[in-house]
C-alpha cells in the first residue's frame, strides 16, 4: 500500500516508465502552489501510447489502494490530466507537449527524481 506522497510518486514514475513514457519530469511545486505537491510531466509518441500510460498509472494507483480523483482528456489522448491529489500528472502527445511547454511555465519549480525502485 502507498503510504506517502513520495511512495506514490515512485509508483507513478514506474507505471509511466513501464509504458515507455518519454522525457519524464517530476516538479516539486509545493512551495509555488496549493494545487499539489508535485507535477509529473511526460509524453507518448501517439494517442494510443498516451492512453496506455494513463491506464497504467490509473491501474497501479487503484491496485495500491489510491483513488484517482479525476482523469481529463483520455478519450482524445493529446493532453491527459490525472489528478491523484498531491500529484497531478500531465501525459501529453509529443506535439502538444512541445506546444504547451509546461516546464517553462513552472520553471521556478525544482525538478526531483523518483527513480523507480526494484
N, C-alpha and C. Protein backbone atom coordinates (compact mmCIF):
# COMPACT_ATOMS: atom_id res chain seq x y z
N UNK A 1 0.83 -1.20 0.00
CA UNK A 1 0.00 0.00 0.00
C UNK A 1 0.87 1.26 0.00
N UNK A 2 0.44 2.25 -0.73
CA UNK A 2 1.12 3.54 -0.78
C UNK A 2 0.79 4.30 0.50
N UNK A 3 1.83 4.79 1.16
CA UNK A 3 1.61 5.48 2.43
C UNK A 3 2.00 6.96 2.38
N UNK A 4 2.96 7.31 1.54
CA UNK A 4 3.42 8.69 1.46
C UNK A 4 3.32 9.20 0.03
N UNK A 5 3.36 10.51 -0.11
CA UNK A 5 3.33 11.11 -1.44
C UNK A 5 4.57 10.71 -2.24
N UNK A 6 5.69 10.52 -1.54
CA UNK A 6 6.91 10.10 -2.23
C UNK A 6 6.76 8.67 -2.78
N UNK A 7 6.14 7.79 -2.01
CA UNK A 7 5.89 6.42 -2.49
C UNK A 7 4.94 6.44 -3.68
N UNK A 8 3.92 7.30 -3.61
CA UNK A 8 3.00 7.43 -4.73
C UNK A 8 3.74 7.95 -5.96
N UNK A 9 4.63 8.92 -5.77
CA UNK A 9 5.40 9.45 -6.90
C UNK A 9 6.24 8.35 -7.55
N UNK A 10 6.89 7.53 -6.74
CA UNK A 10 7.68 6.41 -7.29
C UNK A 10 6.79 5.44 -8.08
N UNK A 11 5.61 5.17 -7.55
CA UNK A 11 4.67 4.26 -8.21
C UNK A 11 4.25 4.83 -9.57
N UNK A 12 3.95 6.11 -9.60
CA UNK A 12 3.51 6.77 -10.83
C UNK A 12 4.64 6.79 -11.85
N UNK A 13 5.85 7.11 -11.41
CA UNK A 13 7.00 7.12 -12.30
C UNK A 13 7.21 5.74 -12.91
N UNK A 14 7.16 4.70 -12.09
CA UNK A 14 7.36 3.34 -12.59
C UNK A 14 6.27 2.96 -13.59
N UNK A 15 5.02 3.29 -13.28
CA UNK A 15 3.91 2.98 -14.18
C UNK A 15 4.11 3.65 -15.53
N UNK A 16 4.51 4.92 -15.53
CA UNK A 16 4.74 5.64 -16.79
C UNK A 16 5.93 5.04 -17.55
N UNK A 17 7.00 4.73 -16.81
CA UNK A 17 8.17 4.14 -17.46
C UNK A 17 7.85 2.77 -18.05
N UNK A 18 7.00 2.01 -17.39
CA UNK A 18 6.61 0.69 -17.90
C UNK A 18 5.93 0.77 -19.26
N UNK A 19 5.30 1.90 -19.55
CA UNK A 19 4.64 2.10 -20.84
C UNK A 19 5.46 3.01 -21.76
N UNK A 20 6.75 3.12 -21.44
CA UNK A 20 7.73 3.84 -22.29
C UNK A 20 7.44 5.32 -22.44
N UNK A 21 6.94 5.95 -21.36
CA UNK A 21 6.77 7.41 -21.37
C UNK A 21 8.13 8.05 -21.61
N UNK A 22 8.13 9.15 -22.34
CA UNK A 22 9.38 9.81 -22.68
C UNK A 22 9.53 11.14 -21.94
N UNK A 23 10.81 11.50 -21.70
CA UNK A 23 11.18 12.78 -21.09
C UNK A 23 10.35 13.07 -19.83
N UNK A 24 10.33 12.10 -18.95
CA UNK A 24 9.55 12.18 -17.74
C UNK A 24 10.22 13.13 -16.74
N UNK A 25 9.45 14.09 -16.26
CA UNK A 25 9.95 15.06 -15.28
C UNK A 25 8.97 15.14 -14.12
N UNK A 26 9.52 15.22 -12.91
CA UNK A 26 8.71 15.46 -11.72
C UNK A 26 9.16 16.79 -11.14
N UNK A 27 8.21 17.71 -11.00
CA UNK A 27 8.50 19.04 -10.49
C UNK A 27 7.87 19.21 -9.12
N UNK A 28 8.66 19.67 -8.17
CA UNK A 28 8.17 19.97 -6.83
C UNK A 28 7.56 21.36 -6.88
N UNK A 29 6.23 21.43 -6.80
CA UNK A 29 5.54 22.72 -6.86
C UNK A 29 4.97 23.11 -5.49
N UNK A 30 5.34 22.37 -4.45
CA UNK A 30 4.76 22.58 -3.12
C UNK A 30 4.97 23.99 -2.58
N UNK A 31 6.06 24.63 -2.95
CA UNK A 31 6.33 25.98 -2.46
C UNK A 31 5.76 27.05 -3.39
N UNK A 32 5.25 26.63 -4.54
CA UNK A 32 4.76 27.58 -5.54
C UNK A 32 3.25 27.60 -5.69
N UNK A 33 2.58 26.54 -5.21
CA UNK A 33 1.15 26.41 -5.45
C UNK A 33 0.50 25.54 -4.39
N UNK A 34 -0.77 25.76 -4.16
CA UNK A 34 -1.53 24.89 -3.25
C UNK A 34 -2.26 23.78 -4.02
N UNK A 35 -2.10 23.75 -5.32
CA UNK A 35 -2.77 22.76 -6.17
C UNK A 35 -2.34 21.35 -5.80
N UNK A 36 -1.05 21.15 -5.64
CA UNK A 36 -0.49 19.82 -5.39
C UNK A 36 0.94 19.99 -4.90
N UNK A 37 1.55 18.87 -4.50
CA UNK A 37 2.96 18.90 -4.13
C UNK A 37 3.85 18.70 -5.35
N UNK A 38 3.39 17.87 -6.29
CA UNK A 38 4.21 17.53 -7.46
C UNK A 38 3.38 17.56 -8.74
N UNK A 39 4.02 18.00 -9.80
CA UNK A 39 3.53 17.80 -11.17
C UNK A 39 4.45 16.77 -11.80
N UNK A 40 3.88 15.80 -12.47
CA UNK A 40 4.67 14.91 -13.31
C UNK A 40 4.27 15.21 -14.74
N UNK A 41 5.26 15.37 -15.59
CA UNK A 41 5.03 15.67 -17.00
C UNK A 41 5.79 14.65 -17.83
N UNK A 42 5.11 14.05 -18.80
CA UNK A 42 5.76 13.12 -19.72
C UNK A 42 4.98 13.12 -21.02
N UNK A 43 5.48 12.38 -21.99
CA UNK A 43 4.73 12.29 -23.24
C UNK A 43 4.88 10.91 -23.88
N UNK A 44 3.92 10.65 -24.75
CA UNK A 44 3.95 9.48 -25.62
C UNK A 44 4.02 9.97 -27.05
N UNK A 45 4.31 9.05 -27.96
CA UNK A 45 4.50 9.44 -29.35
C UNK A 45 3.23 9.41 -30.19
N UNK A 46 2.16 8.85 -29.64
CA UNK A 46 0.88 8.83 -30.34
C UNK A 46 -0.24 8.70 -29.31
N UNK A 47 -1.47 8.87 -29.77
CA UNK A 47 -2.62 8.85 -28.86
C UNK A 47 -2.73 7.51 -28.12
N UNK A 48 -2.48 6.42 -28.80
CA UNK A 48 -2.59 5.10 -28.18
C UNK A 48 -1.58 4.95 -27.03
N UNK A 49 -0.36 5.41 -27.23
CA UNK A 49 0.64 5.31 -26.17
C UNK A 49 0.27 6.21 -24.99
N UNK A 50 -0.21 7.41 -25.27
CA UNK A 50 -0.65 8.32 -24.20
C UNK A 50 -1.73 7.64 -23.37
N UNK A 51 -2.70 7.04 -24.03
CA UNK A 51 -3.79 6.36 -23.32
C UNK A 51 -3.28 5.17 -22.52
N UNK A 52 -2.31 4.44 -23.05
CA UNK A 52 -1.73 3.29 -22.33
C UNK A 52 -1.00 3.76 -21.07
N UNK A 53 -0.28 4.86 -21.16
CA UNK A 53 0.43 5.40 -19.99
C UNK A 53 -0.59 5.77 -18.91
N UNK A 54 -1.64 6.45 -19.31
CA UNK A 54 -2.68 6.87 -18.36
C UNK A 54 -3.36 5.66 -17.73
N UNK A 55 -3.70 4.65 -18.52
CA UNK A 55 -4.33 3.43 -17.97
C UNK A 55 -3.44 2.77 -16.94
N UNK A 56 -2.14 2.68 -17.24
CA UNK A 56 -1.21 2.03 -16.32
C UNK A 56 -1.09 2.82 -15.01
N UNK A 57 -1.04 4.12 -15.09
CA UNK A 57 -1.00 4.95 -13.89
C UNK A 57 -2.27 4.73 -13.08
N UNK A 58 -3.42 4.79 -13.73
CA UNK A 58 -4.70 4.58 -13.05
C UNK A 58 -4.76 3.20 -12.41
N UNK A 59 -4.40 2.17 -13.16
CA UNK A 59 -4.48 0.80 -12.66
C UNK A 59 -3.55 0.58 -11.47
N UNK A 60 -2.33 1.11 -11.54
CA UNK A 60 -1.39 0.93 -10.44
C UNK A 60 -1.82 1.70 -9.20
N UNK A 61 -2.40 2.88 -9.40
CA UNK A 61 -2.91 3.66 -8.26
C UNK A 61 -4.03 2.87 -7.57
N UNK A 62 -4.99 2.36 -8.35
CA UNK A 62 -6.09 1.57 -7.77
C UNK A 62 -5.57 0.31 -7.09
N UNK A 63 -4.66 -0.39 -7.75
CA UNK A 63 -4.10 -1.63 -7.20
C UNK A 63 -3.43 -1.40 -5.85
N UNK A 64 -2.88 -0.20 -5.66
CA UNK A 64 -2.18 0.12 -4.43
C UNK A 64 -3.04 0.93 -3.45
N UNK A 65 -4.34 0.90 -3.66
CA UNK A 65 -5.27 1.49 -2.70
C UNK A 65 -5.42 2.99 -2.76
N UNK A 66 -5.09 3.57 -3.90
CA UNK A 66 -5.20 5.02 -4.02
C UNK A 66 -6.28 5.38 -5.01
N UNK A 67 -7.17 6.29 -4.63
CA UNK A 67 -8.24 6.72 -5.51
C UNK A 67 -7.77 7.80 -6.47
N UNK A 68 -8.11 7.64 -7.72
CA UNK A 68 -7.84 8.67 -8.71
C UNK A 68 -8.99 9.67 -8.63
N UNK A 69 -8.67 10.91 -8.37
CA UNK A 69 -9.71 11.93 -8.21
C UNK A 69 -10.37 12.29 -9.53
N UNK A 70 -9.60 12.21 -10.61
CA UNK A 70 -10.17 12.54 -11.90
C UNK A 70 -9.17 12.34 -13.02
N UNK A 71 -9.71 12.09 -14.21
CA UNK A 71 -8.90 11.98 -15.43
C UNK A 71 -9.62 12.78 -16.50
N UNK A 72 -8.91 13.71 -17.10
CA UNK A 72 -9.48 14.56 -18.16
C UNK A 72 -8.67 14.40 -19.43
N UNK A 73 -9.37 14.25 -20.57
CA UNK A 73 -8.71 14.24 -21.87
C UNK A 73 -8.29 12.87 -22.37
N UNK A 74 -8.64 11.81 -21.65
CA UNK A 74 -8.16 10.47 -22.03
C UNK A 74 -8.72 10.01 -23.37
N UNK A 75 -9.95 10.37 -23.69
CA UNK A 75 -10.54 9.93 -24.95
C UNK A 75 -9.76 10.45 -26.16
N UNK A 76 -9.29 11.69 -26.07
CA UNK A 76 -8.56 12.28 -27.19
C UNK A 76 -7.10 11.82 -27.22
N UNK A 77 -6.51 11.61 -26.05
CA UNK A 77 -5.13 11.15 -25.99
C UNK A 77 -4.10 12.17 -26.45
N UNK A 78 -4.42 13.45 -26.28
CA UNK A 78 -3.48 14.50 -26.69
C UNK A 78 -2.82 15.16 -25.47
N UNK A 79 -3.63 15.53 -24.48
CA UNK A 79 -3.14 16.06 -23.21
C UNK A 79 -4.08 15.51 -22.15
N UNK A 80 -3.59 14.57 -21.39
CA UNK A 80 -4.41 13.93 -20.36
C UNK A 80 -3.90 14.38 -19.00
N UNK A 81 -4.83 14.81 -18.17
CA UNK A 81 -4.52 15.21 -16.82
C UNK A 81 -5.07 14.15 -15.87
N UNK A 82 -4.21 13.64 -15.00
CA UNK A 82 -4.61 12.66 -14.00
C UNK A 82 -4.41 13.31 -12.64
N UNK A 83 -5.50 13.42 -11.87
CA UNK A 83 -5.45 14.06 -10.56
C UNK A 83 -5.40 12.99 -9.47
N UNK A 84 -4.25 12.90 -8.80
CA UNK A 84 -4.09 11.99 -7.68
C UNK A 84 -4.00 12.78 -6.36
N UNK A 85 -4.51 13.99 -6.37
CA UNK A 85 -4.47 14.81 -5.16
C UNK A 85 -3.15 15.52 -5.02
N UNK A 86 -2.22 14.92 -4.29
CA UNK A 86 -0.91 15.55 -4.06
C UNK A 86 -0.01 15.50 -5.29
N UNK A 87 -0.39 14.69 -6.27
CA UNK A 87 0.37 14.60 -7.52
C UNK A 87 -0.59 14.79 -8.68
N UNK A 88 -0.25 15.71 -9.56
CA UNK A 88 -1.03 15.92 -10.78
C UNK A 88 -0.13 15.52 -11.94
N UNK A 89 -0.64 14.61 -12.76
CA UNK A 89 0.15 14.06 -13.86
C UNK A 89 -0.38 14.61 -15.18
N UNK A 90 0.54 15.09 -16.01
CA UNK A 90 0.21 15.57 -17.35
C UNK A 90 0.88 14.61 -18.33
N UNK A 91 0.07 13.88 -19.08
CA UNK A 91 0.60 12.98 -20.10
C UNK A 91 0.20 13.57 -21.45
N UNK A 92 1.21 13.99 -22.18
CA UNK A 92 0.99 14.67 -23.46
C UNK A 92 1.30 13.77 -24.64
N UNK A 93 0.70 14.10 -25.77
CA UNK A 93 1.20 13.69 -27.07
C UNK A 93 2.41 14.57 -27.32
N UNK A 94 3.45 14.04 -27.91
CA UNK A 94 4.70 14.79 -28.10
C UNK A 94 4.47 16.20 -28.66
N UNK A 95 3.69 16.33 -29.70
CA UNK A 95 3.48 17.64 -30.33
C UNK A 95 2.83 18.64 -29.37
N UNK A 96 1.87 18.17 -28.60
CA UNK A 96 1.19 19.06 -27.67
C UNK A 96 2.10 19.47 -26.51
N UNK A 97 2.95 18.56 -26.10
CA UNK A 97 3.89 18.91 -25.03
C UNK A 97 4.82 20.04 -25.48
N UNK A 98 5.33 19.93 -26.70
CA UNK A 98 6.21 20.97 -27.22
C UNK A 98 5.48 22.30 -27.33
N UNK A 99 4.21 22.26 -27.72
CA UNK A 99 3.43 23.48 -27.89
C UNK A 99 3.14 24.16 -26.55
N UNK A 100 2.66 23.40 -25.57
CA UNK A 100 2.26 23.99 -24.29
C UNK A 100 3.42 24.26 -23.35
N UNK A 101 4.47 23.46 -23.43
CA UNK A 101 5.72 23.68 -22.70
C UNK A 101 5.48 24.05 -21.23
N UNK A 102 4.82 23.15 -20.50
CA UNK A 102 4.54 23.40 -19.08
C UNK A 102 5.80 23.62 -18.25
N UNK A 103 6.87 22.97 -18.65
CA UNK A 103 8.12 23.15 -17.91
C UNK A 103 8.53 24.62 -17.87
N UNK A 104 8.29 25.34 -18.93
CA UNK A 104 8.61 26.76 -18.97
C UNK A 104 7.72 27.53 -18.00
N UNK A 105 6.45 27.18 -17.94
CA UNK A 105 5.52 27.87 -17.05
C UNK A 105 5.86 27.63 -15.57
N UNK A 106 6.44 26.46 -15.28
CA UNK A 106 6.79 26.10 -13.90
C UNK A 106 8.31 26.09 -13.72
N UNK A 107 8.99 26.99 -14.39
CA UNK A 107 10.47 26.99 -14.39
C UNK A 107 11.07 27.22 -13.01
N UNK A 108 10.30 27.80 -12.08
CA UNK A 108 10.81 28.03 -10.73
C UNK A 108 10.68 26.79 -9.85
N UNK A 109 10.02 25.76 -10.35
CA UNK A 109 9.87 24.53 -9.58
C UNK A 109 11.15 23.70 -9.67
N UNK A 110 11.48 23.05 -8.58
CA UNK A 110 12.66 22.18 -8.55
C UNK A 110 12.31 20.83 -9.17
N UNK A 111 13.16 20.35 -10.07
CA UNK A 111 12.96 19.02 -10.62
C UNK A 111 13.53 18.02 -9.63
N UNK A 112 12.75 16.98 -9.34
CA UNK A 112 13.18 15.95 -8.39
C UNK A 112 13.17 14.60 -9.07
N UNK A 113 13.90 13.68 -8.49
CA UNK A 113 13.99 12.33 -9.06
C UNK A 113 13.30 11.34 -8.14
N UNK A 114 12.37 10.59 -8.71
CA UNK A 114 11.72 9.49 -8.03
C UNK A 114 11.95 8.24 -8.90
N UNK A 115 13.20 7.91 -9.08
CA UNK A 115 13.53 6.75 -9.91
C UNK A 115 12.80 5.53 -9.38
N UNK A 116 12.25 4.76 -10.28
CA UNK A 116 11.56 3.54 -9.90
C UNK A 116 12.54 2.61 -9.19
N UNK A 117 12.08 1.99 -8.14
CA UNK A 117 12.92 1.07 -7.38
C UNK A 117 12.43 -0.35 -7.60
N UNK A 118 13.38 -1.25 -7.77
CA UNK A 118 13.01 -2.66 -7.87
C UNK A 118 12.71 -3.07 -9.19
